[in-house]
PDB file of N, CA and C in Angstrom:
ATOM      1  N   MET A   1       4.531  -5.423  14.909  1.00  0.00           N
ATOM      2  CA  MET A   1       3.706  -4.845  13.867  1.00  0.00           C
ATOM      3  C   MET A   1       4.628  -4.181  12.836  1.00  0.00           C
ATOM      4  N   MET A   2       4.333  -4.361  11.582  1.00  0.00           N
ATOM      5  CA  MET A   2       5.132  -3.793  10.500  1.00  0.00           C
ATOM      6  C   MET A   2       4.817  -2.315  10.309  1.00  0.00           C
ATOM      7  N   ASN A   3       5.822  -1.569   9.887  1.00  0.00           N
ATOM      8  CA  ASN A   3       5.626  -0.167   9.546  1.00  0.00           C
ATOM      9  C   ASN A   3       5.471  -0.070   8.032  1.00  0.00           C
ATOM     10  N   PHE A   4       4.247   0.135   7.579  1.00  0.00           N
ATOM     11  CA  PHE A   4       3.957   0.267   6.164  1.00  0.00           C
ATOM     12  C   PHE A   4       3.962   1.740   5.782  1.00  0.00           C
ATOM     13  N   THR A   5       4.444   2.034   4.578  1.00  0.00           N
ATOM     14  CA  THR A   5       4.367   3.403   4.070  1.00  0.00           C
ATOM     15  C   THR A   5       2.932   3.673   3.637  1.00  0.00           C
ATOM     16  N   VAL A   6       2.615   4.931   3.436  1.00  0.00           N
ATOM     17  CA  VAL A   6       1.284   5.305   2.949  1.00  0.00           C
ATOM     18  C   VAL A   6       1.011   4.614   1.619  1.00  0.00           C
ATOM     19  N   GLU A   7       2.004   4.595   0.750  1.00  0.00           N
ATOM     20  CA  GLU A   7       1.837   3.967  -0.562  1.00  0.00           C
ATOM     21  C   GLU A   7       1.574   2.467  -0.440  1.00  0.00           C
ATOM     22  N   GLU A   8       2.296   1.810   0.473  1.00  0.00           N
ATOM     23  CA  GLU A   8       2.076   0.381   0.690  1.00  0.00           C
ATOM     24  C   GLU A   8       0.679   0.122   1.246  1.00  0.00           C
ATOM     25  N   MET A   9       0.264   0.944   2.213  1.00  0.00           N
ATOM     26  CA  MET A   9      -1.075   0.778   2.789  1.00  0.00           C
ATOM     27  C   MET A   9      -2.149   0.955   1.722  1.00  0.00           C
ATOM     28  N   ASN A  10      -1.980   1.953   0.875  1.00  0.00           N
ATOM     29  CA  ASN A  10      -2.963   2.174  -0.186  1.00  0.00           C
ATOM     30  C   ASN A  10      -2.993   0.992  -1.147  1.00  0.00           C
ATOM     31  N   LEU A  11      -1.848   0.490  -1.507  1.00  0.00           N
ATOM     32  CA  LEU A  11      -1.769  -0.661  -2.398  1.00  0.00           C
ATOM     33  C   LEU A  11      -2.449  -1.882  -1.766  1.00  0.00           C
ATOM     34  N   LEU A  12      -2.179  -2.121  -0.501  1.00  0.00           N
ATOM     35  CA  LEU A  12      -2.784  -3.257   0.188  1.00  0.00           C
ATOM     36  C   LEU A  12      -4.291  -3.072   0.342  1.00  0.00           C
ATOM     37  N   ALA A  13      -4.745  -1.851   0.483  1.00  0.00           N
ATOM     38  CA  ALA A  13      -6.182  -1.587   0.558  1.00  0.00           C
ATOM     39  C   ALA A  13      -6.851  -1.847  -0.790  1.00  0.00           C
ATOM     40  N   ILE A  14      -6.174  -1.509  -1.866  1.00  0.00           N
ATOM     41  CA  ILE A  14      -6.729  -1.739  -3.205  1.00  0.00           C
ATOM     42  C   ILE A  14      -6.887  -3.233  -3.465  1.00  0.00           C
ATOM     43  N   TYR A  15      -5.883  -4.010  -3.105  1.00  0.00           N
ATOM     44  CA  TYR A  15      -5.889  -5.453  -3.344  1.00  0.00           C
ATOM     45  C   TYR A  15      -6.143  -6.225  -2.051  1.00  0.00           C
ATOM     46  N   LYS A  16      -7.050  -5.736  -1.244  1.00  0.00           N
ATOM     47  CA  LYS A  16      -7.325  -6.290   0.087  1.00  0.00           C
ATOM     48  C   LYS A  16      -7.833  -7.727   0.020  1.00  0.00           C
ATOM     49  N   ALA A  17      -7.326  -8.529   0.937  1.00  0.00           N
ATOM     50  CA  ALA A  17      -7.771  -9.912   1.109  1.00  0.00           C
ATOM     51  C   ALA A  17      -8.062 -10.140   2.586  1.00  0.00           C
ATOM     52  N   ASP A  18      -8.817 -11.186   2.859  1.00  0.00           N
ATOM     53  CA  ASP A  18      -9.209 -11.475   4.238  1.00  0.00           C
ATOM     54  C   ASP A  18      -8.143 -12.197   5.044  1.00  0.00           C
ATOM     55  N   THR A  19      -7.175 -12.802   4.362  1.00  0.00           N
ATOM     56  CA  THR A  19      -6.126 -13.530   5.064  1.00  0.00           C
ATOM     57  C   THR A  19      -4.756 -13.072   4.570  1.00  0.00           C
ATOM     58  N   ARG A  20      -3.756 -13.338   5.356  1.00  0.00           N
ATOM     59  CA  ARG A  20      -2.385 -12.987   4.972  1.00  0.00           C
ATOM     60  C   ARG A  20      -1.985 -13.752   3.717  1.00  0.00           C
ATOM     61  N   ALA A  21      -2.294 -15.044   3.668  1.00  0.00           N
ATOM     62  CA  ALA A  21      -1.972 -15.840   2.476  1.00  0.00           C
ATOM     63  C   ALA A  21      -2.721 -15.318   1.254  1.00  0.00           C
ATOM     64  N   GLY A  22      -3.972 -14.934   1.437  1.00  0.00           N
ATOM     65  CA  GLY A  22      -4.757 -14.375   0.335  1.00  0.00           C
ATOM     66  C   GLY A  22      -4.194 -13.048  -0.146  1.00  0.00           C
ATOM     67  N   GLN A  23      -3.707 -12.243   0.790  1.00  0.00           N
ATOM     68  CA  GLN A  23      -3.104 -10.957   0.423  1.00  0.00           C
ATOM     69  C   GLN A  23      -1.853 -11.180  -0.410  1.00  0.00           C
ATOM     70  N   LEU A  24      -1.030 -12.102   0.010  1.00  0.00           N
ATOM     71  CA  LEU A  24       0.196 -12.399  -0.741  1.00  0.00           C
ATOM     72  C   LEU A  24      -0.134 -12.934  -2.127  1.00  0.00           C
ATOM     73  N   GLU A  25      -1.152 -13.758  -2.227  1.00  0.00           N
ATOM     74  CA  GLU A  25      -1.559 -14.301  -3.530  1.00  0.00           C
ATOM     75  C   GLU A  25      -2.051 -13.185  -4.456  1.00  0.00           C
ATOM     76  N   LYS A  26      -2.833 -12.258  -3.917  1.00  0.00           N
ATOM     77  CA  LYS A  26      -3.307 -11.138  -4.741  1.00  0.00           C
ATOM     78  C   LYS A  26      -2.146 -10.287  -5.240  1.00  0.00           C
ATOM     79  N   LEU A  27      -1.170 -10.041  -4.369  1.00  0.00           N
ATOM     80  CA  LEU A  27      -0.018  -9.242  -4.780  1.00  0.00           C
ATOM     81  C   LEU A  27       0.778  -9.959  -5.870  1.00  0.00           C
ATOM     82  N   ARG A  28       0.936 -11.264  -5.729  1.00  0.00           N
ATOM     83  CA  ARG A  28       1.629 -12.042  -6.767  1.00  0.00           C
ATOM     84  C   ARG A  28       0.841 -12.026  -8.081  1.00  0.00           C
ATOM     85  N   ALA A  29      -0.469 -12.118  -7.987  1.00  0.00           N
ATOM     86  CA  ALA A  29      -1.318 -12.185  -9.180  1.00  0.00           C
ATOM     87  C   ALA A  29      -1.298 -10.891  -9.989  1.00  0.00           C
ATOM     88  N   VAL A  30      -1.193  -9.741  -9.313  1.00  0.00           N
ATOM     89  CA  VAL A  30      -1.231  -8.465 -10.050  1.00  0.00           C
ATOM     90  C   VAL A  30       0.147  -8.015 -10.509  1.00  0.00           C
ATOM     91  N   ARG A  31       1.186  -8.646 -10.012  1.00  0.00           N
ATOM     92  CA  ARG A  31       2.551  -8.230 -10.357  1.00  0.00           C
ATOM     93  C   ARG A  31       2.788  -8.154 -11.872  1.00  0.00           C
ATOM     94  N   PRO A  32       2.338  -9.138 -12.672  1.00  0.00           N
ATOM     95  CA  PRO A  32       2.563  -9.050 -14.119  1.00  0.00           C
ATOM     96  C   PRO A  32       1.878  -7.847 -14.787  1.00  0.00           C
ATOM     97  N   LEU A  33       0.836  -7.330 -14.165  1.00  0.00           N
ATOM     98  CA  LEU A  33       0.145  -6.166 -14.729  1.00  0.00           C
ATOM     99  C   LEU A  33       1.030  -4.926 -14.738  1.00  0.00           C
ATOM    100  N   TYR A  34       2.015  -4.903 -13.857  1.00  0.00           N
ATOM    101  CA  TYR A  34       2.866  -3.731 -13.689  1.00  0.00           C
ATOM    102  C   TYR A  34       4.305  -4.001 -14.114  1.00  0.00           C
ATOM    103  N   SER A  35       4.499  -4.944 -14.998  1.00  0.00           N
ATOM    104  CA  SER A  35       5.858  -5.342 -15.389  1.00  0.00           C
ATOM    105  C   SER A  35       6.661  -4.212 -16.024  1.00  0.00           C
ATOM    106  N   ASP A  36       6.001  -3.190 -16.544  1.00  0.00           N
ATOM    107  CA  ASP A  36       6.705  -2.059 -17.161  1.00  0.00           C
ATOM    108  C   ASP A  36       6.944  -0.902 -16.193  1.00  0.00           C
ATOM    109  N   ASP A  37       6.568  -1.056 -14.931  1.00  0.00           N
ATOM    110  CA  ASP A  37       6.676   0.035 -13.960  1.00  0.00           C
ATOM    111  C   ASP A  37       7.567  -0.406 -12.795  1.00  0.00           C
ATOM    112  N   ALA A  38       8.857  -0.109 -12.892  1.00  0.00           N
ATOM    113  CA  ALA A  38       9.826  -0.549 -11.883  1.00  0.00           C
ATOM    114  C   ALA A  38       9.490  -0.005 -10.496  1.00  0.00           C
ATOM    115  N   GLU A  39       9.004   1.213 -10.423  1.00  0.00           N
ATOM    116  CA  GLU A  39       8.690   1.808  -9.124  1.00  0.00           C
ATOM    117  C   GLU A  39       7.528   1.079  -8.454  1.00  0.00           C
ATOM    118  N   LEU A  40       6.503   0.763  -9.221  1.00  0.00           N
ATOM    119  CA  LEU A  40       5.361   0.052  -8.662  1.00  0.00           C
ATOM    120  C   LEU A  40       5.728  -1.394  -8.313  1.00  0.00           C
ATOM    121  N   LEU A  41       6.560  -2.015  -9.114  1.00  0.00           N
ATOM    122  CA  LEU A  41       7.023  -3.361  -8.783  1.00  0.00           C
ATOM    123  C   LEU A  41       7.796  -3.361  -7.467  1.00  0.00           C
ATOM    124  N   ALA A  42       8.624  -2.362  -7.263  1.00  0.00           N
ATOM    125  CA  ALA A  42       9.370  -2.253  -6.009  1.00  0.00           C
ATOM    126  C   ALA A  42       8.410  -2.072  -4.830  1.00  0.00           C
ATOM    127  N   LEU A  43       7.367  -1.288  -5.037  1.00  0.00           N
ATOM    128  CA  LEU A  43       6.360  -1.080  -4.001  1.00  0.00           C
ATOM    129  C   LEU A  43       5.617  -2.380  -3.697  1.00  0.00           C
ATOM    130  N   LEU A  44       5.217  -3.102  -4.735  1.00  0.00           N
ATOM    131  CA  LEU A  44       4.562  -4.399  -4.556  1.00  0.00           C
ATOM    132  C   LEU A  44       5.460  -5.359  -3.775  1.00  0.00           C
ATOM    133  N   ASP A  45       6.717  -5.432  -4.167  1.00  0.00           N
ATOM    134  CA  ASP A  45       7.650  -6.341  -3.522  1.00  0.00           C
ATOM    135  C   ASP A  45       7.890  -5.966  -2.062  1.00  0.00           C
ATOM    136  N   SER A  46       8.013  -4.683  -1.797  1.00  0.00           N
ATOM    137  CA  SER A  46       8.224  -4.216  -0.430  1.00  0.00           C
ATOM    138  C   SER A  46       7.016  -4.555   0.450  1.00  0.00           C
ATOM    139  N   ALA A  47       5.829  -4.286  -0.061  1.00  0.00           N
ATOM    140  CA  ALA A  47       4.607  -4.590   0.693  1.00  0.00           C
ATOM    141  C   ALA A  47       4.492  -6.089   0.918  1.00  0.00           C
ATOM    142  N   ALA A  48       4.792  -6.884  -0.099  1.00  0.00           N
ATOM    143  CA  ALA A  48       4.701  -8.343   0.029  1.00  0.00           C
ATOM    144  C   ALA A  48       5.687  -8.872   1.066  1.00  0.00           C
ATOM    145  N   ARG A  49       6.900  -8.333   1.085  1.00  0.00           N
ATOM    146  CA  ARG A  49       7.888  -8.769   2.093  1.00  0.00           C
ATOM    147  C   ARG A  49       7.384  -8.481   3.507  1.00  0.00           C
ATOM    148  N   LYS A  50       6.793  -7.317   3.689  1.00  0.00           N
ATOM    149  CA  LYS A  50       6.297  -6.941   5.014  1.00  0.00           C
ATOM    150  C   LYS A  50       5.116  -7.810   5.424  1.00  0.00           C
ATOM    151  N   VAL A  51       4.206  -8.081   4.488  1.00  0.00           N
ATOM    152  CA  VAL A  51       3.063  -8.946   4.795  1.00  0.00           C
ATOM    153  C   VAL A  51       3.551 -10.356   5.109  1.00  0.00           C
ATOM    154  N   ALA A  52       4.513 -10.854   4.349  1.00  0.00           N
ATOM    155  CA  ALA A  52       5.049 -12.197   4.575  1.00  0.00           C
ATOM    156  C   ALA A  52       5.698 -12.318   5.952  1.00  0.00           C
ATOM    157  N   ALA A  53       6.283 -11.236   6.434  1.00  0.00           N
ATOM    158  CA  ALA A  53       6.962 -11.252   7.725  1.00  0.00           C
ATOM    159  C   ALA A  53       6.001 -11.133   8.908  1.00  0.00           C
ATOM    160  N   MET A  54       4.758 -10.786   8.646  1.00  0.00           N
ATOM    161  CA  MET A  54       3.762 -10.636   9.703  1.00  0.00           C
ATOM    162  C   MET A  54       3.235 -12.005  10.135  1.00  0.00           C
ATOM    163  N   THR A  55       2.719 -12.050  11.349  1.00  0.00           N
ATOM    164  CA  THR A  55       1.966 -13.232  11.754  1.00  0.00           C
ATOM    165  C   THR A  55       0.542 -13.074  11.235  1.00  0.00           C
ATOM    166  N   ASP A  56      -0.183 -14.185  11.185  1.00  0.00           N
ATOM    167  CA  ASP A  56      -1.590 -14.107  10.769  1.00  0.00           C
ATOM    168  C   ASP A  56      -2.379 -13.203  11.709  1.00  0.00           C
ATOM    169  N   ALA A  57      -2.098 -13.281  13.011  1.00  0.00           N
ATOM    170  CA  ALA A  57      -2.804 -12.453  13.998  1.00  0.00           C
ATOM    171  C   ALA A  57      -2.524 -10.973  13.771  1.00  0.00           C
ATOM    172  N   ASP A  58      -1.254 -10.622  13.505  1.00  0.00           N
ATOM    173  CA  ASP A  58      -0.922  -9.222  13.231  1.00  0.00           C
ATOM    174  C   ASP A  58      -1.601  -8.739  11.958  1.00  0.00           C
ATOM    175  N   PHE A  59      -1.651  -9.594  10.943  1.00  0.00           N
ATOM    176  CA  PHE A  59      -2.321  -9.221   9.702  1.00  0.00           C
ATOM    177  C   PHE A  59      -3.792  -8.907   9.967  1.00  0.00           C
ATOM    178  N   LEU A  60      -4.461  -9.777  10.703  1.00  0.00           N
ATOM    179  CA  LEU A  60      -5.881  -9.572  10.983  1.00  0.00           C
ATOM    180  C   LEU A  60      -6.125  -8.338  11.850  1.00  0.00           C
ATOM    181  N   ALA A  61      -5.145  -7.962  12.652  1.00  0.00           N
ATOM    182  CA  ALA A  61      -5.284  -6.801  13.531  1.00  0.00           C
ATOM    183  C   ALA A  61      -4.954  -5.487  12.829  1.00  0.00           C
ATOM    184  N   THR A  62      -4.442  -5.554  11.613  1.00  0.00           N
ATOM    185  CA  THR A  62      -4.048  -4.349  10.884  1.00  0.00           C
ATOM    186  C   THR A  62      -5.166  -3.905   9.955  1.00  0.00           C
ATOM    187  N   ALA A  63      -5.518  -2.649  10.037  1.00  0.00           N
ATOM    188  CA  ALA A  63      -6.556  -2.088   9.169  1.00  0.00           C
ATOM    189  C   ALA A  63      -5.888  -1.534   7.917  1.00  0.00           C
ATOM    190  N   PHE A  64      -6.016  -2.247   6.829  1.00  0.00           N
ATOM    191  CA  PHE A  64      -5.446  -1.796   5.559  1.00  0.00           C
ATOM    192  C   PHE A  64      -6.489  -0.931   4.867  1.00  0.00           C
ATOM    193  N   GLU A  65      -6.376   0.380   5.072  1.00  0.00           N
ATOM    194  CA  GLU A  65      -7.343   1.326   4.520  1.00  0.00           C
ATOM    195  C   GLU A  65      -6.609   2.393   3.726  1.00  0.00           C
ATOM    196  N   MET A  66      -7.318   2.934   2.740  1.00  0.00           N
ATOM    197  CA  MET A  66      -6.745   3.999   1.921  1.00  0.00           C
ATOM    198  C   MET A  66      -6.480   5.221   2.800  1.00  0.00           C
ATOM    199  N   ALA A  67      -5.332   5.825   2.601  1.00  0.00           N
ATOM    200  CA  ALA A  67      -4.989   7.053   3.315  1.00  0.00           C
ATOM    201  C   ALA A  67      -5.613   8.230   2.576  1.00  0.00           C
ATOM    202  N   SER A  68      -6.176   9.133   3.324  1.00  0.00           N
ATOM    203  CA  SER A  68      -6.769  10.325   2.721  1.00  0.00           C
ATOM    204  C   SER A  68      -5.671  11.293   2.324  1.00  0.00           C
ATOM    205  N   PRO A  69      -5.834  11.938   1.168  1.00  0.00           N
ATOM    206  CA  PRO A  69      -4.827  12.934   0.785  1.00  0.00           C
ATOM    207  C   PRO A  69      -4.873  14.127   1.730  1.00  0.00           C
ATOM    208  N   VAL A  70      -3.736  14.728   1.915  1.00  0.00           N
ATOM    209  CA  VAL A  70      -3.631  15.895   2.776  1.00  0.00           C
ATOM    210  C   VAL A  70      -3.812  17.131   1.910  1.00  0.00           C
ATOM    211  N   GLY A  71      -4.677  18.032   2.350  1.00  0.00           N
ATOM    212  CA  GLY A  71      -4.894  19.272   1.609  1.00  0.00           C
ATOM    213  C   GLY A  71      -4.031  20.384   2.167  1.00  0.00           C
ATOM    214  N   TYR A  72      -3.362  21.098   1.290  1.00  0.00           N
ATOM    215  CA  TYR A  72      -2.525  22.230   1.683  1.00  0.00           C
ATOM    216  C   TYR A  72      -3.030  23.473   0.983  1.00  0.00           C
ATOM    217  N   SER A  73      -2.816  24.611   1.604  1.00  0.00           N
ATOM    218  CA  SER A  73      -3.180  25.867   0.954  1.00  0.00           C
ATOM    219  C   SER A  73      -2.127  26.211  -0.094  1.00  0.00           C
ATOM    220  N   GLU A  74      -2.498  27.036  -1.045  1.00  0.00           N
ATOM    221  CA  GLU A  74      -1.545  27.435  -2.085  1.00  0.00           C
ATOM    222  C   GLU A  74      -0.370  28.197  -1.490  1.00  0.00           C
ATOM    223  N   GLU A  75      -0.589  28.896  -0.372  1.00  0.00           N
ATOM    224  CA  GLU A  75       0.507  29.616   0.277  1.00  0.00           C
ATOM    225  C   GLU A  75       1.551  28.637   0.815  1.00  0.00           C
ATOM    226  N   GLU A  76       1.087  27.498   1.327  1.00  0.00           N
ATOM    227  CA  GLU A  76       1.987  26.496   1.886  1.00  0.00           C
ATOM    228  C   GLU A  76       2.801  25.761   0.814  1.00  0.00           C
ATOM    229  N   THR A  77       2.252  25.708  -0.395  1.00  0.00           N
ATOM    230  CA  THR A  77       2.880  24.909  -1.442  1.00  0.00           C
ATOM    231  C   THR A  77       3.396  25.738  -2.603  1.00  0.00           C
ATOM    232  N   GLY A  78       3.408  27.028  -2.455  1.00  0.00           N
ATOM    233  CA  GLY A  78       3.898  27.892  -3.534  1.00  0.00           C
ATOM    234  C   GLY A  78       3.007  27.856  -4.765  1.00  0.00           C
ATOM    235  N   GLY A  79       1.707  27.682  -4.567  1.00  0.00           N
ATOM    236  CA  GLY A  79       0.753  27.683  -5.675  1.00  0.00           C
ATOM    237  C   GLY A  79       0.399  26.306  -6.193  1.00  0.00           C
ATOM    238  N   PHE A  80       0.983  25.258  -5.628  1.00  0.00           N
ATOM    239  CA  PHE A  80       0.688  23.897  -6.076  1.00  0.00           C
ATOM    240  C   PHE A  80      -0.051  23.149  -4.981  1.00  0.00           C
ATOM    241  N   ALA A  81      -1.316  23.488  -4.772  1.00  0.00           N
ATOM    242  CA  ALA A  81      -2.119  22.869  -3.716  1.00  0.00           C
ATOM    243  C   ALA A  81      -2.703  21.552  -4.201  1.00  0.00           C
ATOM    244  N   TYR A  82      -2.750  20.592  -3.308  1.00  0.00           N
ATOM    245  CA  TYR A  82      -3.351  19.298  -3.584  1.00  0.00           C
ATOM    246  C   TYR A  82      -4.561  19.131  -2.678  1.00  0.00           C
ATOM    247  N   GLY A  83      -5.685  18.889  -3.274  1.00  0.00           N
ATOM    248  CA  GLY A  83      -6.875  18.603  -2.483  1.00  0.00           C
ATOM    249  C   GLY A  83      -7.708  19.792  -2.120  1.00  0.00           C
ATOM    250  N   LYS A  84      -7.316  20.976  -2.519  1.00  0.00           N
ATOM    251  CA  LYS A  84      -8.130  22.166  -2.220  1.00  0.00           C
ATOM    252  C   LYS A  84      -8.406  22.938  -3.481  1.00  0.00           C
TER     253      LYS A  84
END
């Protein structure tokens, strides 16, 4: 099973497909939309490499779902709380 980052999982959830081949096609199709964003292109490429390396069975067994943001108190973040 591949170890996906939170960002990769979120990206794959946004462009979710029912098959591994379909997922790779969606990632290829949206790549030109982000041609001006090197960081997002790197994320797309990293996610695509991991999906390509998976078996079809592993792909179907993986739940590609959006990760919920973590909420921190302002005390924990020095006044920069996210989600609260």
